N, C-alpha and C. Protein backbone atom coordinates (compact mmCIF):
# COMPACT_ATOMS: atom_id res chain seq x y z
N UNK A 1 0.83 -1.19 0.00
CA UNK A 1 0.00 0.00 0.00
C UNK A 1 0.88 1.25 0.00
N UNK A 2 0.25 2.40 -0.31
CA UNK A 2 1.00 3.64 -0.35
C UNK A 2 1.53 4.02 1.02
N UNK A 3 0.75 3.76 2.07
CA UNK A 3 1.21 4.10 3.42
C UNK A 3 2.39 3.24 3.81
N UNK A 4 2.37 1.97 3.45
CA UNK A 4 3.48 1.08 3.80
C UNK A 4 4.77 1.46 3.08
N UNK A 5 4.65 2.10 1.90
CA UNK A 5 5.84 2.46 1.13
C UNK A 5 6.24 3.91 1.30
N UNK A 6 5.56 4.64 2.18
CA UNK A 6 5.84 6.07 2.33
C UNK A 6 7.24 6.33 2.87
N UNK A 7 7.72 5.49 3.79
CA UNK A 7 9.06 5.69 4.35
C UNK A 7 10.13 5.49 3.29
N UNK A 8 9.96 4.45 2.42
CA UNK A 8 10.91 4.24 1.33
C UNK A 8 10.88 5.40 0.34
N UNK A 9 9.70 5.93 0.09
CA UNK A 9 9.58 7.05 -0.83
C UNK A 9 10.30 8.28 -0.29
N UNK A 10 10.08 8.61 0.98
CA UNK A 10 10.71 9.79 1.56
C UNK A 10 12.22 9.60 1.69
N UNK A 11 12.66 8.39 2.05
CA UNK A 11 14.09 8.13 2.14
C UNK A 11 14.79 8.28 0.80
N UNK A 12 14.17 7.73 -0.25
CA UNK A 12 14.75 7.86 -1.59
C UNK A 12 14.76 9.32 -2.04
N UNK A 13 13.71 10.05 -1.71
CA UNK A 13 13.65 11.46 -2.08
C UNK A 13 14.74 12.27 -1.40
N UNK A 14 15.01 11.97 -0.12
CA UNK A 14 16.07 12.66 0.61
C UNK A 14 17.45 12.34 0.04
N UNK A 15 17.66 11.07 -0.34
CA UNK A 15 18.92 10.70 -0.96
C UNK A 15 19.11 11.42 -2.29
N UNK A 16 18.03 11.55 -3.04
CA UNK A 16 18.09 12.22 -4.33
C UNK A 16 18.46 13.69 -4.15
N UNK A 17 17.85 14.35 -3.18
CA UNK A 17 18.18 15.76 -2.91
C UNK A 17 19.62 15.88 -2.43
N UNK A 18 20.07 14.92 -1.62
CA UNK A 18 21.46 14.93 -1.17
C UNK A 18 22.42 14.81 -2.35
N UNK A 19 22.06 13.98 -3.34
CA UNK A 19 22.88 13.86 -4.53
C UNK A 19 22.99 15.18 -5.29
N UNK A 20 21.88 15.91 -5.39
CA UNK A 20 21.92 17.22 -6.05
C UNK A 20 22.82 18.19 -5.30
N UNK A 21 22.75 18.18 -3.99
CA UNK A 21 23.61 19.06 -3.19
C UNK A 21 25.07 18.66 -3.35
N UNK A 22 25.32 17.37 -3.42
CA UNK A 22 26.67 16.86 -3.59
C UNK A 22 27.26 17.33 -4.92
N UNK A 23 26.44 17.27 -5.98
CA UNK A 23 26.88 17.71 -7.30
C UNK A 23 27.20 19.20 -7.30
N UNK A 24 26.38 19.99 -6.61
CA UNK A 24 26.59 21.44 -6.60
C UNK A 24 27.88 21.84 -5.89
N UNK A 25 28.38 20.98 -4.99
CA UNK A 25 29.59 21.30 -4.22
C UNK A 25 30.84 20.63 -4.78
N UNK A 26 30.69 19.64 -5.65
CA UNK A 26 31.82 18.84 -6.11
C UNK A 26 32.76 19.66 -7.00
N UNK A 27 34.04 19.36 -6.89
CA UNK A 27 35.06 19.97 -7.74
C UNK A 27 35.99 18.91 -8.31
N UNK A 28 35.51 17.70 -8.39
CA UNK A 28 36.33 16.58 -8.84
C UNK A 28 35.47 15.65 -9.69
N UNK A 29 36.05 15.06 -10.73
CA UNK A 29 35.29 14.19 -11.63
C UNK A 29 34.72 12.99 -10.89
N UNK A 30 35.49 12.41 -9.98
CA UNK A 30 35.01 11.24 -9.24
C UNK A 30 33.80 11.61 -8.38
N UNK A 31 33.86 12.77 -7.75
CA UNK A 31 32.75 13.20 -6.90
C UNK A 31 31.52 13.53 -7.74
N UNK A 32 31.72 14.04 -8.95
CA UNK A 32 30.59 14.28 -9.83
C UNK A 32 29.88 12.97 -10.17
N UNK A 33 30.66 11.94 -10.45
CA UNK A 33 30.06 10.65 -10.79
C UNK A 33 29.30 10.08 -9.59
N UNK A 34 29.89 10.18 -8.39
CA UNK A 34 29.22 9.69 -7.19
C UNK A 34 27.90 10.44 -6.97
N UNK A 35 27.92 11.76 -7.16
CA UNK A 35 26.71 12.55 -6.99
C UNK A 35 25.63 12.19 -8.00
N UNK A 36 26.02 11.96 -9.25
CA UNK A 36 25.04 11.57 -10.27
C UNK A 36 24.43 10.21 -9.98
N UNK A 37 25.24 9.28 -9.48
CA UNK A 37 24.70 7.97 -9.12
C UNK A 37 23.81 8.07 -7.89
N UNK A 38 24.12 9.01 -7.00
CA UNK A 38 23.27 9.22 -5.84
C UNK A 38 21.93 9.82 -6.23
N UNK A 39 21.87 10.42 -7.41
CA UNK A 39 20.59 10.86 -7.96
C UNK A 39 19.89 9.72 -8.70
N UNK A 40 20.65 8.93 -9.45
CA UNK A 40 20.06 7.90 -10.30
C UNK A 40 19.49 6.73 -9.51
N UNK A 41 20.24 6.22 -8.54
CA UNK A 41 19.81 5.02 -7.82
C UNK A 41 18.50 5.24 -7.06
N UNK A 42 18.34 6.33 -6.29
CA UNK A 42 17.03 6.56 -5.67
C UNK A 42 15.91 6.75 -6.70
N UNK A 43 16.25 7.25 -7.89
CA UNK A 43 15.23 7.41 -8.93
C UNK A 43 14.68 6.06 -9.35
N UNK A 44 15.54 5.04 -9.45
CA UNK A 44 15.05 3.69 -9.77
C UNK A 44 14.05 3.22 -8.73
N UNK A 45 14.36 3.47 -7.45
CA UNK A 45 13.46 3.05 -6.37
C UNK A 45 12.14 3.80 -6.45
N UNK A 46 12.21 5.10 -6.71
CA UNK A 46 10.99 5.90 -6.80
C UNK A 46 10.11 5.45 -7.96
N UNK A 47 10.74 5.10 -9.08
CA UNK A 47 9.96 4.61 -10.22
C UNK A 47 9.28 3.28 -9.90
N UNK A 48 9.96 2.44 -9.15
CA UNK A 48 9.35 1.16 -8.76
C UNK A 48 8.18 1.39 -7.79
N UNK A 49 8.36 2.33 -6.84
CA UNK A 49 7.29 2.59 -5.88
C UNK A 49 6.07 3.20 -6.57
N UNK A 50 6.30 3.96 -7.66
CA UNK A 50 5.19 4.54 -8.40
C UNK A 50 4.79 3.71 -9.59
N UNK A 51 4.97 2.41 -9.47
CA UNK A 51 4.77 1.53 -10.62
C UNK A 51 3.31 1.50 -11.07
N UNK A 52 3.15 1.40 -12.36
CA UNK A 52 1.83 1.23 -12.96
C UNK A 52 1.82 -0.03 -13.79
N UNK A 53 0.83 -0.17 -14.64
CA UNK A 53 0.72 -1.39 -15.45
C UNK A 53 1.88 -1.54 -16.43
N UNK A 54 2.41 -0.40 -16.90
CA UNK A 54 3.47 -0.44 -17.90
C UNK A 54 4.85 -0.16 -17.29
N UNK A 55 4.93 -0.08 -15.95
CA UNK A 55 6.16 0.38 -15.35
C UNK A 55 7.27 -0.64 -15.42
N UNK A 56 6.93 -1.94 -15.46
CA UNK A 56 7.97 -2.96 -15.49
C UNK A 56 8.83 -2.80 -16.74
N UNK A 57 8.19 -2.64 -17.89
CA UNK A 57 8.94 -2.49 -19.14
C UNK A 57 9.66 -1.16 -19.21
N UNK A 58 8.95 -0.06 -18.92
CA UNK A 58 9.56 1.26 -19.04
C UNK A 58 10.63 1.49 -17.98
N UNK A 59 10.40 0.97 -16.77
CA UNK A 59 11.41 1.12 -15.71
C UNK A 59 12.68 0.36 -16.04
N UNK A 60 12.53 -0.83 -16.63
CA UNK A 60 13.70 -1.60 -17.05
C UNK A 60 14.45 -0.87 -18.16
N UNK A 61 13.72 -0.28 -19.09
CA UNK A 61 14.34 0.50 -20.16
C UNK A 61 15.13 1.67 -19.57
N UNK A 62 14.52 2.37 -18.62
CA UNK A 62 15.19 3.51 -17.99
C UNK A 62 16.45 3.06 -17.26
N UNK A 63 16.38 1.92 -16.57
CA UNK A 63 17.52 1.42 -15.80
C UNK A 63 18.71 1.12 -16.70
N UNK A 64 18.48 0.37 -17.77
CA UNK A 64 19.59 -0.03 -18.63
C UNK A 64 20.15 1.16 -19.43
N UNK A 65 19.28 2.05 -19.88
CA UNK A 65 19.76 3.22 -20.60
C UNK A 65 20.51 4.17 -19.68
N UNK A 66 20.11 4.23 -18.42
CA UNK A 66 20.84 5.04 -17.46
C UNK A 66 22.24 4.50 -17.23
N UNK A 67 22.34 3.16 -17.16
CA UNK A 67 23.66 2.54 -17.02
C UNK A 67 24.53 2.86 -18.24
N UNK A 68 23.93 2.79 -19.44
CA UNK A 68 24.67 3.10 -20.66
C UNK A 68 25.15 4.55 -20.65
N UNK A 69 24.30 5.47 -20.22
CA UNK A 69 24.71 6.88 -20.18
C UNK A 69 25.83 7.10 -19.18
N UNK A 70 25.77 6.41 -18.03
CA UNK A 70 26.84 6.52 -17.04
C UNK A 70 28.15 5.98 -17.60
N UNK A 71 28.07 4.89 -18.37
CA UNK A 71 29.27 4.32 -18.97
C UNK A 71 29.88 5.29 -19.99
N UNK A 72 29.05 5.93 -20.80
CA UNK A 72 29.55 6.92 -21.76
C UNK A 72 30.22 8.08 -21.05
N UNK A 73 29.58 8.55 -19.98
CA UNK A 73 30.13 9.68 -19.25
C UNK A 73 31.45 9.30 -18.58
N UNK A 74 31.52 8.12 -17.98
CA UNK A 74 32.76 7.66 -17.37
C UNK A 74 33.87 7.51 -18.40
N UNK A 75 33.51 7.02 -19.57
CA UNK A 75 34.49 6.90 -20.65
C UNK A 75 35.04 8.28 -21.02
N UNK A 76 34.14 9.26 -21.08
CA UNK A 76 34.59 10.64 -21.35
C UNK A 76 35.47 11.17 -20.23
N UNK A 77 35.10 10.88 -18.98
CA UNK A 77 35.93 11.30 -17.84
C UNK A 77 37.33 10.69 -17.92
N UNK A 78 37.41 9.44 -18.36
CA UNK A 78 38.71 8.79 -18.46
C UNK A 78 39.59 9.47 -19.51
N UNK A 79 38.99 9.87 -20.64
CA UNK A 79 39.75 10.60 -21.66
C UNK A 79 40.16 11.97 -21.14
N UNK A 80 39.28 12.61 -20.37
CA UNK A 80 39.60 13.92 -19.82
C UNK A 80 40.73 13.81 -18.80
N UNK A 81 40.70 12.75 -17.99
CA UNK A 81 41.78 12.51 -17.05
C UNK A 81 43.10 12.25 -17.79
N UNK A 82 43.03 11.50 -18.88
CA UNK A 82 44.23 11.26 -19.67
C UNK A 82 44.76 12.52 -20.31
N UNK A 83 43.86 13.43 -20.71
CA UNK A 83 44.29 14.68 -21.35
C UNK A 83 44.88 15.66 -20.36
N UNK A 84 44.33 15.70 -19.13
CA UNK A 84 44.75 16.71 -18.16
C UNK A 84 45.64 16.15 -17.06
N UNK A 85 45.60 14.85 -16.83
CA UNK A 85 46.43 14.25 -15.79
C UNK A 85 45.92 14.48 -14.39
N UNK A 86 44.65 14.87 -14.25
CA UNK A 86 44.07 15.12 -12.92
C UNK A 86 42.56 15.00 -13.02
N UNK A 87 41.94 14.75 -11.88
CA UNK A 87 40.47 14.73 -11.81
C UNK A 87 39.92 16.00 -11.18
N UNK A 88 40.79 16.89 -10.74
CA UNK A 88 40.36 18.16 -10.13
C UNK A 88 40.03 19.17 -11.23
N UNK A 89 38.89 19.85 -11.11
CA UNK A 89 38.45 20.76 -12.17
C UNK A 89 39.41 21.91 -12.38
N UNK A 90 39.95 22.46 -11.29
CA UNK A 90 40.89 23.57 -11.41
C UNK A 90 42.15 23.17 -12.15
N UNK A 91 42.69 22.01 -11.83
CA UNK A 91 43.90 21.56 -12.50
C UNK A 91 43.63 21.19 -13.96
N UNK A 92 42.45 20.63 -14.22
CA UNK A 92 42.08 20.32 -15.61
C UNK A 92 42.03 21.59 -16.44
N UNK A 93 41.41 22.63 -15.90
CA UNK A 93 41.31 23.89 -16.62
C UNK A 93 42.69 24.49 -16.89
N UNK A 94 43.56 24.48 -15.89
CA UNK A 94 44.90 25.04 -16.08
C UNK A 94 45.68 24.27 -17.14
N UNK A 95 45.59 22.94 -17.12
CA UNK A 95 46.34 22.13 -18.08
C UNK A 95 45.84 22.36 -19.50
N UNK A 96 44.52 22.37 -19.70
CA UNK A 96 43.98 22.55 -21.04
C UNK A 96 44.19 23.98 -21.53
N UNK A 97 44.15 24.95 -20.62
CA UNK A 97 44.40 26.33 -21.02
C UNK A 97 45.85 26.51 -21.45
N UNK A 98 46.77 25.84 -20.77
CA UNK A 98 48.18 25.92 -21.14
C UNK A 98 48.45 25.22 -22.47
N UNK A 99 47.67 24.16 -22.76
CA UNK A 99 47.85 23.44 -24.02
C UNK A 99 47.39 24.27 -25.21
N UNK A 100 46.39 25.16 -24.99
CA UNK A 100 45.91 26.02 -26.06
C UNK A 100 44.99 25.29 -27.02
N UNK A 101 44.61 25.98 -28.08
CA UNK A 101 43.67 25.42 -29.06
C UNK A 101 44.32 24.32 -29.90
N UNK A 102 45.65 24.39 -30.10
CA UNK A 102 46.34 23.37 -30.87
C UNK A 102 46.95 22.35 -29.92
N UNK A 103 46.07 21.58 -29.27
CA UNK A 103 46.53 20.62 -28.28
C UNK A 103 47.23 19.46 -28.96
N UNK A 104 48.27 19.00 -28.32
CA UNK A 104 49.02 17.86 -28.84
C UNK A 104 49.27 16.88 -27.71
N UNK A 105 49.69 15.69 -28.06
CA UNK A 105 49.96 14.68 -27.04
C UNK A 105 48.69 14.22 -26.37
N UNK A 106 48.76 14.08 -25.05
CA UNK A 106 47.60 13.61 -24.29
C UNK A 106 46.44 14.58 -24.34
N UNK A 107 46.73 15.90 -24.43
CA UNK A 107 45.66 16.91 -24.46
C UNK A 107 44.79 16.80 -25.71
N UNK A 108 45.27 16.08 -26.73
CA UNK A 108 44.47 15.91 -27.94
C UNK A 108 43.23 15.06 -27.70
N UNK A 109 43.16 14.37 -26.55
CA UNK A 109 41.98 13.56 -26.22
C UNK A 109 40.83 14.42 -25.69
N UNK A 110 41.09 15.70 -25.41
CA UNK A 110 40.06 16.55 -24.80
C UNK A 110 38.80 16.68 -25.67
N UNK A 111 38.89 16.87 -26.99
CA UNK A 111 37.65 16.94 -27.79
C UNK A 111 36.82 15.67 -27.72
N UNK A 112 37.48 14.50 -27.75
CA UNK A 112 36.75 13.24 -27.63
C UNK A 112 36.09 13.13 -26.27
N UNK A 113 36.80 13.60 -25.23
CA UNK A 113 36.22 13.60 -23.88
C UNK A 113 34.97 14.46 -23.82
N UNK A 114 35.02 15.63 -24.46
CA UNK A 114 33.86 16.53 -24.47
C UNK A 114 32.66 15.87 -25.14
N UNK A 115 32.88 15.20 -26.26
CA UNK A 115 31.79 14.55 -26.99
C UNK A 115 31.16 13.44 -26.15
N UNK A 116 31.98 12.61 -25.51
CA UNK A 116 31.47 11.50 -24.72
C UNK A 116 30.75 11.99 -23.47
N UNK A 117 31.29 13.00 -22.81
CA UNK A 117 30.63 13.55 -21.62
C UNK A 117 29.29 14.17 -22.00
N UNK A 118 29.27 14.89 -23.11
CA UNK A 118 28.02 15.49 -23.58
C UNK A 118 26.98 14.41 -23.89
N UNK A 119 27.41 13.33 -24.53
CA UNK A 119 26.48 12.25 -24.87
C UNK A 119 25.94 11.58 -23.60
N UNK A 120 26.81 11.35 -22.62
CA UNK A 120 26.36 10.72 -21.39
C UNK A 120 25.37 11.58 -20.62
N UNK A 121 25.59 12.89 -20.60
CA UNK A 121 24.70 13.79 -19.86
C UNK A 121 23.45 14.13 -20.65
N UNK A 122 23.49 13.97 -21.98
CA UNK A 122 22.29 14.24 -22.79
C UNK A 122 21.15 13.29 -22.42
N UNK A 123 21.49 12.10 -21.93
CA UNK A 123 20.45 11.17 -21.49
C UNK A 123 19.66 11.76 -20.33
N UNK A 124 20.37 12.35 -19.39
CA UNK A 124 19.69 12.93 -18.22
C UNK A 124 18.89 14.17 -18.59
N UNK A 125 19.33 14.86 -19.64
CA UNK A 125 18.58 16.02 -20.11
C UNK A 125 17.43 15.64 -21.04
N UNK A 126 17.34 14.35 -21.41
CA UNK A 126 16.39 13.85 -22.42
C UNK A 126 16.53 14.61 -23.73
N UNK A 127 17.76 14.83 -24.15
CA UNK A 127 18.01 15.48 -25.44
C UNK A 127 18.05 14.42 -26.53
N UNK A 128 17.56 14.77 -27.70
CA UNK A 128 17.58 13.87 -28.85
C UNK A 128 19.04 13.60 -29.23
N UNK A 129 19.46 12.38 -29.50
CA UNK A 129 18.68 11.14 -29.68
C UNK A 129 18.60 10.26 -28.45
N UNK A 130 18.79 10.83 -27.26
CA UNK A 130 18.77 10.05 -26.03
C UNK A 130 17.45 10.24 -25.28
N UNK A 131 16.39 10.53 -25.99
CA UNK A 131 15.12 10.89 -25.40
C UNK A 131 14.09 9.78 -25.38
N UNK A 132 14.33 8.69 -26.14
CA UNK A 132 13.24 7.78 -26.49
C UNK A 132 12.67 7.01 -25.30
N UNK A 133 13.36 6.99 -24.17
CA UNK A 133 12.83 6.31 -22.99
C UNK A 133 11.75 7.15 -22.29
N UNK A 134 11.82 8.47 -22.46
CA UNK A 134 11.00 9.37 -21.64
C UNK A 134 9.49 9.17 -21.78
N UNK A 135 8.91 9.11 -22.99
CA UNK A 135 7.44 8.97 -23.07
C UNK A 135 6.93 7.71 -22.38
N UNK A 136 7.60 6.57 -22.57
CA UNK A 136 7.14 5.32 -21.94
C UNK A 136 7.25 5.39 -20.43
N UNK A 137 8.34 5.95 -19.92
CA UNK A 137 8.54 6.03 -18.48
C UNK A 137 7.54 6.99 -17.85
N UNK A 138 7.32 8.13 -18.48
CA UNK A 138 6.37 9.10 -17.95
C UNK A 138 4.96 8.51 -17.92
N UNK A 139 4.60 7.77 -18.96
CA UNK A 139 3.25 7.19 -19.03
C UNK A 139 3.07 6.08 -18.00
N UNK A 140 4.12 5.31 -17.75
CA UNK A 140 3.98 4.15 -16.88
C UNK A 140 4.06 4.44 -15.41
N UNK A 141 4.59 5.61 -15.01
CA UNK A 141 4.77 5.90 -13.59
C UNK A 141 3.65 6.80 -13.09
N UNK A 142 3.78 7.23 -11.84
CA UNK A 142 2.75 8.08 -11.24
C UNK A 142 2.99 9.54 -11.60
N UNK A 143 2.00 10.38 -11.33
CA UNK A 143 2.12 11.81 -11.63
C UNK A 143 3.27 12.47 -10.87
N UNK A 144 3.43 12.24 -9.55
CA UNK A 144 4.57 12.86 -8.85
C UNK A 144 5.92 12.43 -9.42
N UNK A 145 6.05 11.14 -9.75
CA UNK A 145 7.32 10.66 -10.30
C UNK A 145 7.59 11.25 -11.69
N UNK A 146 6.53 11.43 -12.48
CA UNK A 146 6.71 12.05 -13.79
C UNK A 146 7.21 13.48 -13.63
N UNK A 147 6.65 14.20 -12.67
CA UNK A 147 7.13 15.56 -12.40
C UNK A 147 8.56 15.58 -11.91
N UNK A 148 8.90 14.59 -11.08
CA UNK A 148 10.28 14.49 -10.58
C UNK A 148 11.27 14.23 -11.71
N UNK A 149 10.91 13.32 -12.62
CA UNK A 149 11.79 13.02 -13.75
C UNK A 149 11.94 14.21 -14.68
N UNK A 150 10.96 15.06 -14.74
CA UNK A 150 11.02 16.22 -15.63
C UNK A 150 11.91 17.32 -15.08
N UNK A 151 12.29 17.23 -13.80
CA UNK A 151 13.04 18.32 -13.18
C UNK A 151 14.40 17.88 -12.67
N UNK A 152 14.43 16.88 -11.77
CA UNK A 152 15.66 16.60 -11.02
C UNK A 152 16.81 16.10 -11.89
N UNK A 153 16.63 15.06 -12.74
CA UNK A 153 17.77 14.63 -13.57
C UNK A 153 18.27 15.73 -14.50
N UNK A 154 17.38 16.60 -14.96
CA UNK A 154 17.80 17.70 -15.83
C UNK A 154 18.69 18.68 -15.07
N UNK A 155 18.33 18.98 -13.83
CA UNK A 155 19.16 19.88 -13.03
C UNK A 155 20.54 19.29 -12.83
N UNK A 156 20.59 17.99 -12.47
CA UNK A 156 21.87 17.33 -12.24
C UNK A 156 22.71 17.32 -13.51
N UNK A 157 22.11 16.93 -14.64
CA UNK A 157 22.86 16.87 -15.89
C UNK A 157 23.35 18.24 -16.34
N UNK A 158 22.51 19.26 -16.19
CA UNK A 158 22.89 20.60 -16.64
C UNK A 158 24.03 21.17 -15.79
N UNK A 159 23.97 20.96 -14.47
CA UNK A 159 25.02 21.47 -13.59
C UNK A 159 26.36 20.82 -13.92
N UNK A 160 26.37 19.50 -14.09
CA UNK A 160 27.62 18.81 -14.42
C UNK A 160 28.12 19.23 -15.80
N UNK A 161 27.23 19.38 -16.76
CA UNK A 161 27.62 19.78 -18.10
C UNK A 161 28.26 21.17 -18.11
N UNK A 162 27.67 22.09 -17.38
CA UNK A 162 28.21 23.45 -17.33
C UNK A 162 29.57 23.47 -16.62
N UNK A 163 29.67 22.78 -15.50
CA UNK A 163 30.88 22.87 -14.69
C UNK A 163 32.04 22.07 -15.27
N UNK A 164 31.74 20.94 -15.91
CA UNK A 164 32.82 20.10 -16.42
C UNK A 164 33.12 20.43 -17.88
N UNK A 165 32.12 20.35 -18.73
CA UNK A 165 32.36 20.45 -20.17
C UNK A 165 32.58 21.87 -20.65
N UNK A 166 32.08 22.86 -19.91
CA UNK A 166 32.20 24.23 -20.39
C UNK A 166 33.13 25.07 -19.52
N UNK A 167 32.96 25.05 -18.21
CA UNK A 167 33.80 25.89 -17.35
C UNK A 167 35.21 25.34 -17.21
N UNK A 168 35.39 24.01 -17.27
CA UNK A 168 36.69 23.41 -16.99
C UNK A 168 37.41 22.91 -18.23
N UNK A 169 36.90 23.22 -19.43
CA UNK A 169 37.55 22.73 -20.65
C UNK A 169 37.74 23.88 -21.63
N UNK A 170 38.65 24.83 -21.34
CA UNK A 170 38.90 25.95 -22.25
C UNK A 170 39.57 25.48 -23.53
N UNK A 171 39.36 26.24 -24.59
CA UNK A 171 39.92 25.90 -25.88
C UNK A 171 39.01 25.05 -26.74
N UNK A 172 37.89 24.59 -26.16
CA UNK A 172 36.96 23.75 -26.91
C UNK A 172 35.61 24.43 -27.10
N UNK A 173 35.63 25.75 -27.02
CA UNK A 173 34.37 26.50 -27.09
C UNK A 173 33.67 26.30 -28.44
N UNK A 174 34.45 26.28 -29.52
CA UNK A 174 33.85 26.15 -30.85
C UNK A 174 33.14 24.80 -30.99
N UNK A 175 33.80 23.73 -30.61
CA UNK A 175 33.18 22.42 -30.66
C UNK A 175 31.97 22.36 -29.74
N UNK A 176 32.08 22.99 -28.57
CA UNK A 176 30.99 22.95 -27.59
C UNK A 176 29.73 23.63 -28.09
N UNK A 177 29.87 24.86 -28.64
CA UNK A 177 28.64 25.54 -29.08
C UNK A 177 28.05 24.91 -30.33
N UNK A 178 28.90 24.39 -31.22
CA UNK A 178 28.37 23.72 -32.40
C UNK A 178 27.58 22.47 -32.02
N UNK A 179 28.12 21.70 -31.10
CA UNK A 179 27.44 20.48 -30.68
C UNK A 179 26.14 20.81 -29.94
N UNK A 180 26.20 21.79 -29.04
CA UNK A 180 25.01 22.17 -28.28
C UNK A 180 23.92 22.72 -29.19
N UNK A 181 24.31 23.57 -30.14
CA UNK A 181 23.32 24.16 -31.03
C UNK A 181 22.67 23.12 -31.92
N UNK A 182 23.45 22.19 -32.44
CA UNK A 182 22.90 21.15 -33.32
C UNK A 182 21.90 20.27 -32.57
N UNK A 183 22.29 19.81 -31.38
CA UNK A 183 21.40 18.97 -30.59
C UNK A 183 20.18 19.75 -30.14
N UNK A 184 20.36 21.02 -29.79
CA UNK A 184 19.24 21.85 -29.32
C UNK A 184 18.19 22.03 -30.41
N UNK A 185 18.61 22.29 -31.63
CA UNK A 185 17.66 22.50 -32.73
C UNK A 185 16.84 21.24 -32.99
N UNK A 186 17.52 20.09 -33.05
CA UNK A 186 16.82 18.83 -33.29
C UNK A 186 15.90 18.50 -32.12
N UNK A 187 16.35 18.74 -30.89
CA UNK A 187 15.57 18.41 -29.70
C UNK A 187 14.32 19.27 -29.61
N UNK A 188 14.45 20.57 -29.82
CA UNK A 188 13.28 21.46 -29.77
C UNK A 188 12.26 21.11 -30.85
N UNK A 189 12.75 20.87 -32.05
CA UNK A 189 11.84 20.59 -33.17
C UNK A 189 11.11 19.27 -32.97
N UNK A 190 11.87 18.21 -32.67
CA UNK A 190 11.25 16.89 -32.52
C UNK A 190 10.33 16.83 -31.31
N UNK A 191 10.76 17.42 -30.19
CA UNK A 191 9.94 17.39 -28.98
C UNK A 191 8.60 18.06 -29.17
N UNK A 192 8.60 19.24 -29.78
CA UNK A 192 7.34 19.97 -29.97
C UNK A 192 6.45 19.33 -31.02
N UNK A 193 7.03 18.81 -32.10
CA UNK A 193 6.22 18.20 -33.16
C UNK A 193 5.57 16.90 -32.69
N UNK A 194 6.35 16.04 -32.03
CA UNK A 194 5.79 14.76 -31.58
C UNK A 194 4.76 14.94 -30.47
N UNK A 195 4.85 16.02 -29.72
CA UNK A 195 3.85 16.28 -28.68
C UNK A 195 2.47 16.50 -29.27
N UNK A 196 2.39 16.97 -30.52
CA UNK A 196 1.10 17.25 -31.14
C UNK A 196 0.31 15.98 -31.43
N UNK A 197 1.00 14.83 -31.55
CA UNK A 197 0.34 13.57 -31.92
C UNK A 197 -0.05 12.73 -30.71
N UNK A 198 0.19 13.23 -29.50
CA UNK A 198 -0.04 12.42 -28.30
C UNK A 198 -1.47 12.55 -27.79
N UNK A 199 -2.04 11.43 -27.42
CA UNK A 199 -3.38 11.43 -26.81
C UNK A 199 -3.32 11.22 -25.30
N UNK A 200 -2.17 10.81 -24.81
CA UNK A 200 -1.99 10.63 -23.37
C UNK A 200 -1.30 11.88 -22.80
N UNK A 201 -1.84 12.40 -21.69
CA UNK A 201 -1.35 13.66 -21.15
C UNK A 201 0.10 13.56 -20.71
N UNK A 202 0.46 12.47 -20.03
CA UNK A 202 1.83 12.36 -19.53
C UNK A 202 2.83 12.16 -20.68
N UNK A 203 2.43 11.49 -21.75
CA UNK A 203 3.31 11.38 -22.92
C UNK A 203 3.51 12.75 -23.58
N UNK A 204 2.46 13.54 -23.61
CA UNK A 204 2.59 14.88 -24.16
C UNK A 204 3.54 15.73 -23.31
N UNK A 205 3.42 15.61 -21.98
CA UNK A 205 4.32 16.35 -21.09
C UNK A 205 5.76 15.85 -21.21
N UNK A 206 5.92 14.56 -21.53
CA UNK A 206 7.26 14.02 -21.73
C UNK A 206 7.92 14.68 -22.93
N UNK A 207 7.18 14.79 -24.02
CA UNK A 207 7.75 15.45 -25.20
C UNK A 207 7.95 16.94 -24.96
N UNK A 208 7.09 17.55 -24.15
CA UNK A 208 7.32 18.94 -23.77
C UNK A 208 8.60 19.08 -22.96
N UNK A 209 8.86 18.11 -22.08
CA UNK A 209 10.11 18.11 -21.31
C UNK A 209 11.32 17.95 -22.22
N UNK A 210 11.18 17.13 -23.26
CA UNK A 210 12.27 16.96 -24.23
C UNK A 210 12.55 18.29 -24.93
N UNK A 211 11.50 19.00 -25.32
CA UNK A 211 11.69 20.30 -25.97
C UNK A 211 12.36 21.29 -25.04
N UNK A 212 12.03 21.23 -23.75
CA UNK A 212 12.65 22.14 -22.78
C UNK A 212 14.15 21.88 -22.66
N UNK A 213 14.56 20.63 -22.84
CA UNK A 213 16.00 20.33 -22.83
C UNK A 213 16.70 21.08 -23.97
N UNK A 214 16.02 21.18 -25.11
CA UNK A 214 16.59 21.95 -26.22
C UNK A 214 16.73 23.42 -25.89
N UNK A 215 15.74 23.97 -25.15
CA UNK A 215 15.83 25.38 -24.75
C UNK A 215 17.05 25.59 -23.84
N UNK A 216 17.29 24.65 -22.93
CA UNK A 216 18.44 24.77 -22.02
C UNK A 216 19.75 24.68 -22.78
N UNK A 217 19.81 23.82 -23.78
CA UNK A 217 21.04 23.69 -24.56
C UNK A 217 21.31 24.92 -25.42
N UNK A 218 20.25 25.62 -25.82
CA UNK A 218 20.43 26.89 -26.53
C UNK A 218 21.17 27.87 -25.64
N UNK A 219 20.82 27.89 -24.36
CA UNK A 219 21.51 28.78 -23.42
C UNK A 219 22.98 28.43 -23.31
N UNK A 220 23.29 27.14 -23.28
CA UNK A 220 24.69 26.71 -23.23
C UNK A 220 25.44 27.11 -24.50
N UNK A 221 24.78 26.96 -25.65
CA UNK A 221 25.42 27.32 -26.91
C UNK A 221 25.75 28.81 -26.96
N UNK A 222 24.82 29.63 -26.48
CA UNK A 222 25.07 31.08 -26.44
C UNK A 222 26.18 31.41 -25.46
N UNK A 223 26.17 30.73 -24.30
CA UNK A 223 27.20 30.98 -23.30
C UNK A 223 28.58 30.59 -23.78
């Protein structure tokens, strides 16, 4: 019953908020990953507690795709560590700034790191083409969980993307804005167009959430 599961729901919610606070204070790649997992793991529990008739399939899809996105992001972190020789954001910025735009040697891995980190975090932002889990998950879970998915993972992904991929990786601004702008245009267009064909309210809100991810990426591209 809902009353029997209320303690698990509140505990998972507190862990999720703690993960967001952890991400906002982190200055190290390892701590960013720990904070993101502290957001993701309670989310799995919350989705199970808000299970509906379709939640088994959609929740499983969300779980495995979340693992894939974490693997992509970790792969990008490993290339960034190889390029800068440190996991500290300040030291990464100093190393890449000293290397300049014509990076050579280990620093040449920085563009690949940016692409992989962006791809891993695009899942949490529900940016195209990492959006396809969202309509099924939103439809299969409860209304509070759908609202939670539309806000919390996006905040976590956006904070990490700004602090790691943009603030701590100088010299890659051109690649960054081109990638952000391209994904933003496709995300806004596809999210708004597909929302017009939806007959289920939560699926429509899912596509609206996808379009909002494009609006956020436009801000990053301008920045």
